[in-house]
Amino acid sequence: MKILGKVINGDGEGKGLGFPTANLKLENSLNLEDGVYIGEVNFNKKLFKALVIKGVRNELEVWLYDFTGDLYGEVLEVVIGNKISKVEKIEDKEQLIEKIKNDINIAKSVWEIN
């Protein structure tokens, strides 16, 4: 599945945990089950590996592997692949960080990155 979305301001939770994400506001509802997905993002004619998180709000969060910079206001083309895990409500910050690290490790395995 391929979508386009404009990066909007989020609440900064991902950045505060050490995993900044780009929040994409969607124009239409997305027929996609909540979860964490392998993905790719096309930005400035460069392809980035990504995790795509679909939660309960009508937006996506996208974490780009090996990216630094500011994406606010930019339009990203996101290709959503296979689901790798569920979205879980985790109150404990350290447990949430471990869940994110685990999702990244699963993705790295798929991408064949050490």
PDB file of N, CA and C in Angstrom:
ATOM      1  N   MET A   1       0.840  -1.173   0.000  1.00  0.00           N
ATOM      2  CA  MET A   1       0.000   0.000   0.000  1.00  0.00           C
ATOM      3  C   MET A   1       0.887   1.238   0.000  1.00  0.00           C
ATOM      4  N   LYS A   2       0.536   2.207  -0.848  1.00  0.00           N
ATOM      5  CA  LYS A   2       1.304   3.448  -0.940  1.00  0.00           C
ATOM      6  C   LYS A   2       0.381   4.613  -0.615  1.00  0.00           C
ATOM      7  N   ILE A   3       0.869   5.529   0.224  1.00  0.00           N
ATOM      8  CA  ILE A   3       0.094   6.720   0.568  1.00  0.00           C
ATOM      9  C   ILE A   3       0.991   7.955   0.540  1.00  0.00           C
ATOM     10  N   LEU A   4       0.368   9.107   0.432  1.00  0.00           N
ATOM     11  CA  LEU A   4       1.049  10.390   0.596  1.00  0.00           C
ATOM     12  C   LEU A   4       0.473  11.058   1.833  1.00  0.00           C
ATOM     13  N   GLY A   5       1.337  11.687   2.612  1.00  0.00           N
ATOM     14  CA  GLY A   5       0.863  12.387   3.789  1.00  0.00           C
ATOM     15  C   GLY A   5       1.769  13.553   4.128  1.00  0.00           C
ATOM     16  N   LYS A   6       1.158  14.593   4.669  1.00  0.00           N
ATOM     17  CA  LYS A   6       1.909  15.788   5.084  1.00  0.00           C
ATOM     18  C   LYS A   6       2.297  15.642   6.544  1.00  0.00           C
ATOM     19  N   VAL A   7       3.556  15.949   6.849  1.00  0.00           N
ATOM     20  CA  VAL A   7       4.070  15.839   8.217  1.00  0.00           C
ATOM     21  C   VAL A   7       3.521  16.995   9.052  1.00  0.00           C
ATOM     22  N   ILE A   8       2.874  16.624  10.165  1.00  0.00           N
ATOM     23  CA  ILE A   8       2.294  17.607  11.080  1.00  0.00           C
ATOM     24  C   ILE A   8       2.982  17.500  12.433  1.00  0.00           C
ATOM     25  N   ASN A   9       2.763  18.493  13.276  1.00  0.00           N
ATOM     26  CA  ASN A   9       3.289  18.446  14.638  1.00  0.00           C
ATOM     27  C   ASN A   9       2.560  17.379  15.430  1.00  0.00           C
ATOM     28  N   GLY A  10       3.319  16.551  16.136  1.00  0.00           N
ATOM     29  CA  GLY A  10       2.739  15.569  17.038  1.00  0.00           C
ATOM     30  C   GLY A  10       2.948  16.032  18.462  1.00  0.00           C
ATOM     31  N   ASP A  11       2.837  15.099  19.394  1.00  0.00           N
ATOM     32  CA  ASP A  11       3.037  15.466  20.802  1.00  0.00           C
ATOM     33  C   ASP A  11       4.482  15.293  21.255  1.00  0.00           C
ATOM     34  N   GLY A  12       5.367  14.820  20.370  1.00  0.00           N
ATOM     35  CA  GLY A  12       6.784  14.704  20.695  1.00  0.00           C
ATOM     36  C   GLY A  12       7.153  13.489  21.529  1.00  0.00           C
ATOM     37  N   GLU A  13       6.216  12.560  21.694  1.00  0.00           N
ATOM     38  CA  GLU A  13       6.498  11.392  22.533  1.00  0.00           C
ATOM     39  C   GLU A  13       7.650  10.552  21.967  1.00  0.00           C
ATOM     40  N   GLY A  14       7.635  10.296  20.660  1.00  0.00           N
ATOM     41  CA  GLY A  14       8.704   9.500  20.048  1.00  0.00           C
ATOM     42  C   GLY A  14      10.064  10.146  20.232  1.00  0.00           C
ATOM     43  N   LYS A  15      10.136  11.441  19.997  1.00  0.00           N
ATOM     44  CA  LYS A  15      11.394  12.184  20.158  1.00  0.00           C
ATOM     45  C   LYS A  15      11.868  12.106  21.602  1.00  0.00           C
ATOM     46  N   GLY A  16      10.937  12.229  22.544  1.00  0.00           N
ATOM     47  CA  GLY A  16      11.277  12.158  23.962  1.00  0.00           C
ATOM     48  C   GLY A  16      11.803  10.797  24.383  1.00  0.00           C
ATOM     49  N   LEU A  17      11.426   9.766  23.638  1.00  0.00           N
ATOM     50  CA  LEU A  17      11.901   8.408  23.930  1.00  0.00           C
ATOM     51  C   LEU A  17      13.189   8.075  23.181  1.00  0.00           C
ATOM     52  N   GLY A  18      13.630   8.985  22.306  1.00  0.00           N
ATOM     53  CA  GLY A  18      14.847   8.748  21.535  1.00  0.00           C
ATOM     54  C   GLY A  18      14.586   8.173  20.153  1.00  0.00           C
ATOM     55  N   PHE A  19      13.312   8.144  19.729  1.00  0.00           N
ATOM     56  CA  PHE A  19      12.925   7.602  18.438  1.00  0.00           C
ATOM     57  C   PHE A  19      11.964   8.583  17.761  1.00  0.00           C
ATOM     58  N   PRO A  20      12.488   9.697  17.223  1.00  0.00           N
ATOM     59  CA  PRO A  20      11.600  10.699  16.641  1.00  0.00           C
ATOM     60  C   PRO A  20      10.831  10.138  15.445  1.00  0.00           C
ATOM     61  N   THR A  21       9.555  10.477  15.386  1.00  0.00           N
ATOM     62  CA  THR A  21       8.714  10.028  14.287  1.00  0.00           C
ATOM     63  C   THR A  21       8.117  11.224  13.564  1.00  0.00           C
ATOM     64  N   ALA A  22       7.783  11.000  12.309  1.00  0.00           N
ATOM     65  CA  ALA A  22       7.039  11.995  11.529  1.00  0.00           C
ATOM     66  C   ALA A  22       5.576  11.591  11.604  1.00  0.00           C
ATOM     67  N   ASN A  23       4.735  12.495  12.069  1.00  0.00           N
ATOM     68  CA  ASN A  23       3.300  12.235  12.137  1.00  0.00           C
ATOM     69  C   ASN A  23       2.665  12.714  10.843  1.00  0.00           C
ATOM     70  N   LEU A  24       1.942  11.817  10.187  1.00  0.00           N
ATOM     71  CA  LEU A  24       1.306  12.148   8.921  1.00  0.00           C
ATOM     72  C   LEU A  24      -0.195  12.245   9.108  1.00  0.00           C
ATOM     73  N   LYS A  25      -0.748  13.380   8.767  1.00  0.00           N
ATOM     74  CA  LYS A  25      -2.196  13.556   8.793  1.00  0.00           C
ATOM     75  C   LYS A  25      -2.753  12.975   7.504  1.00  0.00           C
ATOM     76  N   LEU A  26      -3.739  12.118   7.643  1.00  0.00           N
ATOM     77  CA  LEU A  26      -4.335  11.477   6.480  1.00  0.00           C
ATOM     78  C   LEU A  26      -5.622  12.182   6.084  1.00  0.00           C
ATOM     79  N   GLU A  27      -5.803  12.379   4.793  1.00  0.00           N
ATOM     80  CA  GLU A  27      -7.006  13.032   4.293  1.00  0.00           C
ATOM     81  C   GLU A  27      -8.218  12.116   4.414  1.00  0.00           C
ATOM     82  N   ASN A  28      -8.019  10.850   4.170  1.00  0.00           N
ATOM     83  CA  ASN A  28      -9.099   9.866   4.216  1.00  0.00           C
ATOM     84  C   ASN A  28      -8.746   8.792   5.235  1.00  0.00           C
ATOM     85  N   SER A  29      -9.767   8.088   5.707  1.00  0.00           N
ATOM     86  CA  SER A  29      -9.486   6.999   6.635  1.00  0.00           C
ATOM     87  C   SER A  29      -8.709   5.921   5.889  1.00  0.00           C
ATOM     88  N   LEU A  30      -7.861   5.249   6.598  1.00  0.00           N
ATOM     89  CA  LEU A  30      -6.980   4.248   6.022  1.00  0.00           C
ATOM     90  C   LEU A  30      -7.489   2.870   6.405  1.00  0.00           C
ATOM     91  N   ASN A  31      -7.743   2.038   5.436  1.00  0.00           N
ATOM     92  CA  ASN A  31      -8.224   0.680   5.683  1.00  0.00           C
ATOM     93  C   ASN A  31      -7.017  -0.196   6.021  1.00  0.00           C
ATOM     94  N   LEU A  32      -6.524  -0.017   7.241  1.00  0.00           N
ATOM     95  CA  LEU A  32      -5.335  -0.712   7.700  1.00  0.00           C
ATOM     96  C   LEU A  32      -5.500  -1.015   9.177  1.00  0.00           C
ATOM     97  N   GLU A  33      -5.244  -2.233   9.550  1.00  0.00           N
ATOM     98  CA  GLU A  33      -5.335  -2.650  10.949  1.00  0.00           C
ATOM     99  C   GLU A  33      -4.272  -1.924  11.775  1.00  0.00           C
ATOM    100  N   ASP A  34      -4.620  -1.559  13.010  1.00  0.00           N
ATOM    101  CA  ASP A  34      -3.630  -0.951  13.904  1.00  0.00           C
ATOM    102  C   ASP A  34      -2.446  -1.888  14.052  1.00  0.00           C
ATOM    103  N   GLY A  35      -1.235  -1.328  14.055  1.00  0.00           N
ATOM    104  CA  GLY A  35      -0.042  -2.148  14.222  1.00  0.00           C
ATOM    105  C   GLY A  35       1.204  -1.413  13.789  1.00  0.00           C
ATOM    106  N   VAL A  36       2.323  -2.135  13.866  1.00  0.00           N
ATOM    107  CA  VAL A  36       3.625  -1.638  13.439  1.00  0.00           C
ATOM    108  C   VAL A  36       3.997  -2.394  12.169  1.00  0.00           C
ATOM    109  N   TYR A  37       4.343  -1.648  11.123  1.00  0.00           N
ATOM    110  CA  TYR A  37       4.595  -2.221   9.805  1.00  0.00           C
ATOM    111  C   TYR A  37       5.990  -1.855   9.311  1.00  0.00           C
ATOM    112  N   ILE A  38       6.566  -2.736   8.516  1.00  0.00           N
ATOM    113  CA  ILE A  38       7.768  -2.424   7.758  1.00  0.00           C
ATOM    114  C   ILE A  38       7.347  -1.459   6.647  1.00  0.00           C
ATOM    115  N   GLY A  39       8.201  -0.491   6.341  1.00  0.00           N
ATOM    116  CA  GLY A  39       7.851   0.429   5.271  1.00  0.00           C
ATOM    117  C   GLY A  39       9.064   1.055   4.627  1.00  0.00           C
ATOM    118  N   GLU A  40       8.777   1.873   3.634  1.00  0.00           N
ATOM    119  CA  GLU A  40       9.786   2.688   2.978  1.00  0.00           C
ATOM    120  C   GLU A  40       9.195   4.075   2.766  1.00  0.00           C
ATOM    121  N   VAL A  41      10.070   5.076   2.839  1.00  0.00           N
ATOM    122  CA  VAL A  41       9.640   6.459   2.647  1.00  0.00           C
ATOM    123  C   VAL A  41      10.490   7.083   1.554  1.00  0.00           C
ATOM    124  N   ASN A  42       9.821   7.683   0.582  1.00  0.00           N
ATOM    125  CA  ASN A  42      10.500   8.418  -0.466  1.00  0.00           C
ATOM    126  C   ASN A  42      10.446   9.895  -0.082  1.00  0.00           C
ATOM    127  N   PHE A  43      11.628  10.472   0.136  1.00  0.00           N
ATOM    128  CA  PHE A  43      11.726  11.891   0.494  1.00  0.00           C
ATOM    129  C   PHE A  43      12.938  12.491  -0.197  1.00  0.00           C
ATOM    130  N   ASN A  44      12.735  13.590  -0.898  1.00  0.00           N
ATOM    131  CA  ASN A  44      13.815  14.265  -1.630  1.00  0.00           C
ATOM    132  C   ASN A  44      14.564  13.309  -2.553  1.00  0.00           C
ATOM    133  N   LYS A  45      13.812  12.465  -3.245  1.00  0.00           N
ATOM    134  CA  LYS A  45      14.361  11.505  -4.209  1.00  0.00           C
ATOM    135  C   LYS A  45      15.305  10.498  -3.569  1.00  0.00           C
ATOM    136  N   LYS A  46      15.147  10.281  -2.267  1.00  0.00           N
ATOM    137  CA  LYS A  46      15.940   9.278  -1.567  1.00  0.00           C
ATOM    138  C   LYS A  46      14.971   8.340  -0.856  1.00  0.00           C
ATOM    139  N   LEU A  47      15.287   7.050  -0.861  1.00  0.00           N
ATOM    140  CA  LEU A  47      14.442   6.045  -0.238  1.00  0.00           C
ATOM    141  C   LEU A  47      15.007   5.681   1.131  1.00  0.00           C
ATOM    142  N   PHE A  48      14.165   5.785   2.163  1.00  0.00           N
ATOM    143  CA  PHE A  48      14.548   5.449   3.526  1.00  0.00           C
ATOM    144  C   PHE A  48      13.759   4.238   3.996  1.00  0.00           C
ATOM    145  N   LYS A  49      14.413   3.345   4.684  1.00  0.00           N
ATOM    146  CA  LYS A  49      13.712   2.257   5.354  1.00  0.00           C
ATOM    147  C   LYS A  49      12.978   2.865   6.542  1.00  0.00           C
ATOM    148  N   ALA A  50      11.822   2.285   6.890  1.00  0.00           N
ATOM    149  CA  ALA A  50      11.009   2.926   7.923  1.00  0.00           C
ATOM    150  C   ALA A  50      10.153   1.909   8.662  1.00  0.00           C
ATOM    151  N   LEU A  51       9.750   2.316   9.854  1.00  0.00           N
ATOM    152  CA  LEU A  51       8.671   1.648  10.566  1.00  0.00           C
ATOM    153  C   LEU A  51       7.468   2.565  10.465  1.00  0.00           C
ATOM    154  N   VAL A  52       6.303   1.987  10.213  1.00  0.00           N
ATOM    155  CA  VAL A  52       5.067   2.747  10.081  1.00  0.00           C
ATOM    156  C   VAL A  52       4.121   2.268  11.171  1.00  0.00           C
ATOM    157  N   ILE A  53       3.679   3.195  12.009  1.00  0.00           N
ATOM    158  CA  ILE A  53       2.818   2.848  13.139  1.00  0.00           C
ATOM    159  C   ILE A  53       1.430   3.414  12.877  1.00  0.00           C
ATOM    160  N   LYS A  54       0.452   2.521  12.813  1.00  0.00           N
ATOM    161  CA  LYS A  54      -0.951   2.921  12.653  1.00  0.00           C
ATOM    162  C   LYS A  54      -1.621   2.702  13.995  1.00  0.00           C
ATOM    163  N   GLY A  55      -2.064   3.798  14.595  1.00  0.00           N
ATOM    164  CA  GLY A  55      -2.745   3.726  15.876  1.00  0.00           C
ATOM    165  C   GLY A  55      -4.212   4.051  15.721  1.00  0.00           C
ATOM    166  N   VAL A  56      -4.819   4.463  16.811  1.00  0.00           N
ATOM    167  CA  VAL A  56      -6.262   4.696  16.803  1.00  0.00           C
ATOM    168  C   VAL A  56      -6.665   6.025  16.172  1.00  0.00           C
ATOM    169  N   ARG A  57      -5.767   6.994  16.132  1.00  0.00           N
ATOM    170  CA  ARG A  57      -6.080   8.277  15.500  1.00  0.00           C
ATOM    171  C   ARG A  57      -5.971   8.149  13.983  1.00  0.00           C
ATOM    172  N   ASN A  58      -6.540   9.078  13.271  1.00  0.00           N
ATOM    173  CA  ASN A  58      -6.477   9.055  11.815  1.00  0.00           C
ATOM    174  C   ASN A  58      -5.165   9.683  11.347  1.00  0.00           C
ATOM    175  N   GLU A  59      -4.073   9.093  11.783  1.00  0.00           N
ATOM    176  CA  GLU A  59      -2.748   9.515  11.340  1.00  0.00           C
ATOM    177  C   GLU A  59      -1.800   8.344  11.469  1.00  0.00           C
ATOM    178  N   LEU A  60      -0.677   8.475  10.807  1.00  0.00           N
ATOM    179  CA  LEU A  60       0.386   7.481  10.899  1.00  0.00           C
ATOM    180  C   LEU A  60       1.588   8.131  11.547  1.00  0.00           C
ATOM    181  N   GLU A  61       2.354   7.333  12.252  1.00  0.00           N
ATOM    182  CA  GLU A  61       3.658   7.776  12.720  1.00  0.00           C
ATOM    183  C   GLU A  61       4.687   6.987  11.923  1.00  0.00           C
ATOM    184  N   VAL A  62       5.706   7.680  11.438  1.00  0.00           N
ATOM    185  CA  VAL A  62       6.720   7.035  10.616  1.00  0.00           C
ATOM    186  C   VAL A  62       8.090   7.325  11.215  1.00  0.00           C
ATOM    187  N   TRP A  63       8.812   6.254  11.512  1.00  0.00           N
ATOM    188  CA  TRP A  63      10.191   6.366  11.998  1.00  0.00           C
ATOM    189  C   TRP A  63      11.103   5.973  10.854  1.00  0.00           C
ATOM    190  N   LEU A  64      11.993   6.889  10.468  1.00  0.00           N
ATOM    191  CA  LEU A  64      12.897   6.636   9.356  1.00  0.00           C
ATOM    192  C   LEU A  64      14.254   6.171   9.872  1.00  0.00           C
ATOM    193  N   TYR A  65      14.697   5.036   9.376  1.00  0.00           N
ATOM    194  CA  TYR A  65      16.000   4.494   9.735  1.00  0.00           C
ATOM    195  C   TYR A  65      17.098   5.360   9.130  1.00  0.00           C
ATOM    196  N   ASP A  66      18.077   5.707   9.955  1.00  0.00           N
ATOM    197  CA  ASP A  66      19.258   6.430   9.501  1.00  0.00           C
ATOM    198  C   ASP A  66      18.913   7.791   8.892  1.00  0.00           C
ATOM    199  N   PHE A  67      17.979   8.518   9.525  1.00  0.00           N
ATOM    200  CA  PHE A  67      17.612   9.849   9.056  1.00  0.00           C
ATOM    201  C   PHE A  67      17.751  10.850  10.183  1.00  0.00           C
ATOM    202  N   THR A  68      18.322  11.994   9.866  1.00  0.00           N
ATOM    203  CA  THR A  68      18.310  13.135  10.776  1.00  0.00           C
ATOM    204  C   THR A  68      17.851  14.337   9.967  1.00  0.00           C
ATOM    205  N   GLY A  69      17.090  15.194  10.583  1.00  0.00           N
ATOM    206  CA  GLY A  69      16.625  16.381   9.891  1.00  0.00           C
ATOM    207  C   GLY A  69      15.221  16.741  10.319  1.00  0.00           C
ATOM    208  N   ASP A  70      14.696  17.769   9.686  1.00  0.00           N
ATOM    209  CA  ASP A  70      13.369  18.290   9.997  1.00  0.00           C
ATOM    210  C   ASP A  70      12.436  17.993   8.830  1.00  0.00           C
ATOM    211  N   LEU A  71      11.327  17.339   9.122  1.00  0.00           N
ATOM    212  CA  LEU A  71      10.365  16.969   8.081  1.00  0.00           C
ATOM    213  C   LEU A  71       9.042  17.734   8.186  1.00  0.00           C
ATOM    214  N   TYR A  72       8.905  18.612   9.172  1.00  0.00           N
ATOM    215  CA  TYR A  72       7.631  19.318   9.368  1.00  0.00           C
ATOM    216  C   TYR A  72       7.196  20.045   8.100  1.00  0.00           C
ATOM    217  N   GLY A  73       5.956  19.811   7.707  1.00  0.00           N
ATOM    218  CA  GLY A  73       5.388  20.457   6.532  1.00  0.00           C
ATOM    219  C   GLY A  73       5.691  19.753   5.218  1.00  0.00           C
ATOM    220  N   GLU A  74       6.586  18.777   5.241  1.00  0.00           N
ATOM    221  CA  GLU A  74       6.944  18.053   4.021  1.00  0.00           C
ATOM    222  C   GLU A  74       5.892  16.985   3.704  1.00  0.00           C
ATOM    223  N   VAL A  75       5.777  16.642   2.436  1.00  0.00           N
ATOM    224  CA  VAL A  75       4.896  15.558   2.019  1.00  0.00           C
ATOM    225  C   VAL A  75       5.766  14.332   1.772  1.00  0.00           C
ATOM    226  N   LEU A  76       5.405  13.235   2.438  1.00  0.00           N
ATOM    227  CA  LEU A  76       6.152  11.988   2.300  1.00  0.00           C
ATOM    228  C   LEU A  76       5.327  10.963   1.546  1.00  0.00           C
ATOM    229  N   GLU A  77       6.005  10.205   0.704  1.00  0.00           N
ATOM    230  CA  GLU A  77       5.383   9.056   0.052  1.00  0.00           C
ATOM    231  C   GLU A  77       5.796   7.828   0.861  1.00  0.00           C
ATOM    232  N   VAL A  78       4.812   7.133   1.400  1.00  0.00           N
ATOM    233  CA  VAL A  78       5.075   6.007   2.295  1.00  0.00           C
ATOM    234  C   VAL A  78       4.524   4.727   1.680  1.00  0.00           C
ATOM    235  N   VAL A  79       5.387   3.731   1.592  1.00  0.00           N
ATOM    236  CA  VAL A  79       4.965   2.405   1.158  1.00  0.00           C
ATOM    237  C   VAL A  79       4.892   1.538   2.412  1.00  0.00           C
ATOM    238  N   ILE A  80       3.720   0.975   2.652  1.00  0.00           N
ATOM    239  CA  ILE A  80       3.498   0.171   3.857  1.00  0.00           C
ATOM    240  C   ILE A  80       3.551  -1.298   3.481  1.00  0.00           C
ATOM    241  N   GLY A  81       4.424  -2.030   4.172  1.00  0.00           N
ATOM    242  CA  GLY A  81       4.597  -3.457   3.908  1.00  0.00           C
ATOM    243  C   GLY A  81       3.911  -4.312   4.955  1.00  0.00           C
ATOM    244  N   ASN A  82       4.600  -5.361   5.364  1.00  0.00           N
ATOM    245  CA  ASN A  82       4.045  -6.343   6.293  1.00  0.00           C
ATOM    246  C   ASN A  82       4.015  -5.847   7.736  1.00  0.00           C
ATOM    247  N   LYS A  83       2.991  -6.277   8.436  1.00  0.00           N
ATOM    248  CA  LYS A  83       2.852  -5.979   9.863  1.00  0.00           C
ATOM    249  C   LYS A  83       3.840  -6.847  10.642  1.00  0.00           C
ATOM    250  N   ILE A  84       4.550  -6.215  11.592  1.00  0.00           N
ATOM    251  CA  ILE A  84       5.510  -6.980  12.387  1.00  0.00           C
ATOM    252  C   ILE A  84       5.115  -7.090  13.859  1.00  0.00           C
ATOM    253  N   SER A  85       4.230  -6.201  14.334  1.00  0.00           N
ATOM    254  CA  SER A  85       3.798  -6.309  15.729  1.00  0.00           C
ATOM    255  C   SER A  85       2.521  -5.505  15.957  1.00  0.00           C
ATOM    256  N   LYS A  86       1.948  -5.712  17.118  1.00  0.00           N
ATOM    257  CA  LYS A  86       0.741  -4.996  17.520  1.00  0.00           C
ATOM    258  C   LYS A  86       1.114  -3.670  18.163  1.00  0.00           C
ATOM    259  N   VAL A  87       0.183  -2.727  18.126  1.00  0.00           N
ATOM    260  CA  VAL A  87       0.310  -1.504  18.908  1.00  0.00           C
ATOM    261  C   VAL A  87      -0.200  -1.842  20.303  1.00  0.00           C
ATOM    262  N   GLU A  88       0.606  -1.560  21.293  1.00  0.00           N
ATOM    263  CA  GLU A  88       0.239  -1.869  22.671  1.00  0.00           C
ATOM    264  C   GLU A  88       0.260  -0.598  23.499  1.00  0.00           C
ATOM    265  N   LYS A  89      -0.675  -0.490  24.428  1.00  0.00           N
ATOM    266  CA  LYS A  89      -0.664   0.637  25.363  1.00  0.00           C
ATOM    267  C   LYS A  89       0.276   0.262  26.506  1.00  0.00           C
ATOM    268  N   ILE A  90       1.430   0.912  26.541  1.00  0.00           N
ATOM    269  CA  ILE A  90       2.451   0.633  27.548  1.00  0.00           C
ATOM    270  C   ILE A  90       2.708   1.917  28.331  1.00  0.00           C
ATOM    271  N   GLU A  91       2.401   1.897  29.604  1.00  0.00           N
ATOM    272  CA  GLU A  91       2.557   3.091  30.450  1.00  0.00           C
ATOM    273  C   GLU A  91       4.004   3.303  30.891  1.00  0.00           C
ATOM    274  N   ASP A  92       4.734   2.204  31.139  1.00  0.00           N
ATOM    275  CA  ASP A  92       6.100   2.287  31.638  1.00  0.00           C
ATOM    276  C   ASP A  92       7.054   2.687  30.508  1.00  0.00           C
ATOM    277  N   LYS A  93       7.759   3.806  30.697  1.00  0.00           N
ATOM    278  CA  LYS A  93       8.644   4.349  29.667  1.00  0.00           C
ATOM    279  C   LYS A  93       9.717   3.350  29.242  1.00  0.00           C
ATOM    280  N   GLU A  94      10.343   2.683  30.191  1.00  0.00           N
ATOM    281  CA  GLU A  94      11.409   1.732  29.864  1.00  0.00           C
ATOM    282  C   GLU A  94      10.883   0.528  29.081  1.00  0.00           C
ATOM    283  N   GLN A  95       9.686   0.057  29.431  1.00  0.00           N
ATOM    284  CA  GLN A  95       9.082  -1.047  28.688  1.00  0.00           C
ATOM    285  C   GLN A  95       8.741  -0.624  27.264  1.00  0.00           C
ATOM    286  N   LEU A  96       8.277   0.613  27.101  1.00  0.00           N
ATOM    287  CA  LEU A  96       7.959   1.127  25.776  1.00  0.00           C
ATOM    288  C   LEU A  96       9.222   1.236  24.921  1.00  0.00           C
ATOM    289  N   ILE A  97      10.297   1.723  25.503  1.00  0.00           N
ATOM    290  CA  ILE A  97      11.572   1.804  24.784  1.00  0.00           C
ATOM    291  C   ILE A  97      12.021   0.418  24.347  1.00  0.00           C
ATOM    292  N   GLU A  98      11.886  -0.574  25.209  1.00  0.00           N
ATOM    293  CA  GLU A  98      12.257  -1.949  24.857  1.00  0.00           C
ATOM    294  C   GLU A  98      11.393  -2.487  23.721  1.00  0.00           C
ATOM    295  N   LYS A  99      10.098  -2.171  23.726  1.00  0.00           N
ATOM    296  CA  LYS A  99       9.194  -2.594  22.645  1.00  0.00           C
ATOM    297  C   LYS A  99       9.632  -1.969  21.325  1.00  0.00           C
ATOM    298  N   ILE A 100       9.959  -0.688  21.352  1.00  0.00           N
ATOM    299  CA  ILE A 100      10.401   0.000  20.134  1.00  0.00           C
ATOM    300  C   ILE A 100      11.707  -0.609  19.628  1.00  0.00           C
ATOM    301  N   LYS A 101      12.641  -0.834  20.525  1.00  0.00           N
ATOM    302  CA  LYS A 101      13.921  -1.453  20.130  1.00  0.00           C
ATOM    303  C   LYS A 101      13.693  -2.830  19.523  1.00  0.00           C
ATOM    304  N   ASN A 102      12.787  -3.595  20.100  1.00  0.00           N
ATOM    305  CA  ASN A 102      12.482  -4.922  19.568  1.00  0.00           C
ATOM    306  C   ASN A 102      11.898  -4.813  18.154  1.00  0.00           C
ATOM    307  N   ASP A 103      10.964  -3.873  17.961  1.00  0.00           N
ATOM    308  CA  ASP A 103      10.391  -3.668  16.624  1.00  0.00           C
ATOM    309  C   ASP A 103      11.483  -3.278  15.621  1.00  0.00           C
ATOM    310  N   ILE A 104      12.401  -2.416  16.026  1.00  0.00           N
ATOM    311  CA  ILE A 104      13.498  -2.003  15.149  1.00  0.00           C
ATOM    312  C   ILE A 104      14.390  -3.198  14.822  1.00  0.00           C
ATOM    313  N   ASN A 105      14.666  -4.039  15.809  1.00  0.00           N
ATOM    314  CA  ASN A 105      15.494  -5.222  15.552  1.00  0.00           C
ATOM    315  C   ASN A 105      14.818  -6.188  14.589  1.00  0.00           C
ATOM    316  N   ILE A 106      13.511  -6.355  14.720  1.00  0.00           N
ATOM    317  CA  ILE A 106      12.769  -7.192  13.773  1.00  0.00           C
ATOM    318  C   ILE A 106      12.895  -6.606  12.366  1.00  0.00           C
ATOM    319  N   ALA A 107      12.709  -5.290  12.256  1.00  0.00           N
ATOM    320  CA  ALA A 107      12.801  -4.630  10.958  1.00  0.00           C
ATOM    321  C   ALA A 107      14.206  -4.766  10.371  1.00  0.00           C
ATOM    322  N   LYS A 108      15.229  -4.583  11.179  1.00  0.00           N
ATOM    323  CA  LYS A 108      16.613  -4.724  10.707  1.00  0.00           C
ATOM    324  C   LYS A 108      16.873  -6.139  10.172  1.00  0.00           C
ATOM    325  N   SER A 109      16.274  -7.106  10.824  1.00  0.00           N
ATOM    326  CA  SER A 109      16.406  -8.481  10.355  1.00  0.00           C
ATOM    327  C   SER A 109      15.776  -8.633   8.970  1.00  0.00           C
ATOM    328  N   VAL A 110      14.611  -8.054   8.790  1.00  0.00           N
ATOM    329  CA  VAL A 110      13.941  -8.093   7.486  1.00  0.00           C
ATOM    330  C   VAL A 110      14.776  -7.355   6.450  1.00  0.00           C
ATOM    331  N   TRP A 111      15.333  -6.213   6.843  1.00  0.00           N
ATOM    332  CA  TRP A 111      16.143  -5.407   5.916  1.00  0.00           C
ATOM    333  C   TRP A 111      17.548  -5.967   5.738  1.00  0.00           C
ATOM    334  N   GLU A 112      17.879  -6.988   6.541  1.00  0.00           N
ATOM    335  CA  GLU A 112      19.214  -7.593   6.529  1.00  0.00           C
ATOM    336  C   GLU A 112      20.306  -6.578   6.874  1.00  0.00           C
ATOM    337  N   ILE A 113      20.028  -5.836   7.973  1.00  0.00           N
ATOM    338  CA  ILE A 113      20.973  -4.857   8.516  1.00  0.00           C
ATOM    339  C   ILE A 113      21.390  -5.349   9.893  1.00  0.00           C
ATOM    340  N   ASN A 114      22.686  -5.311  10.174  1.00  0.00           N
ATOM    341  CA  ASN A 114      23.178  -5.760  11.498  1.00  0.00           C
ATOM    342  C   ASN A 114      23.039  -4.666  12.524  1.00  0.00           C
TER     343      ASN A 114
END
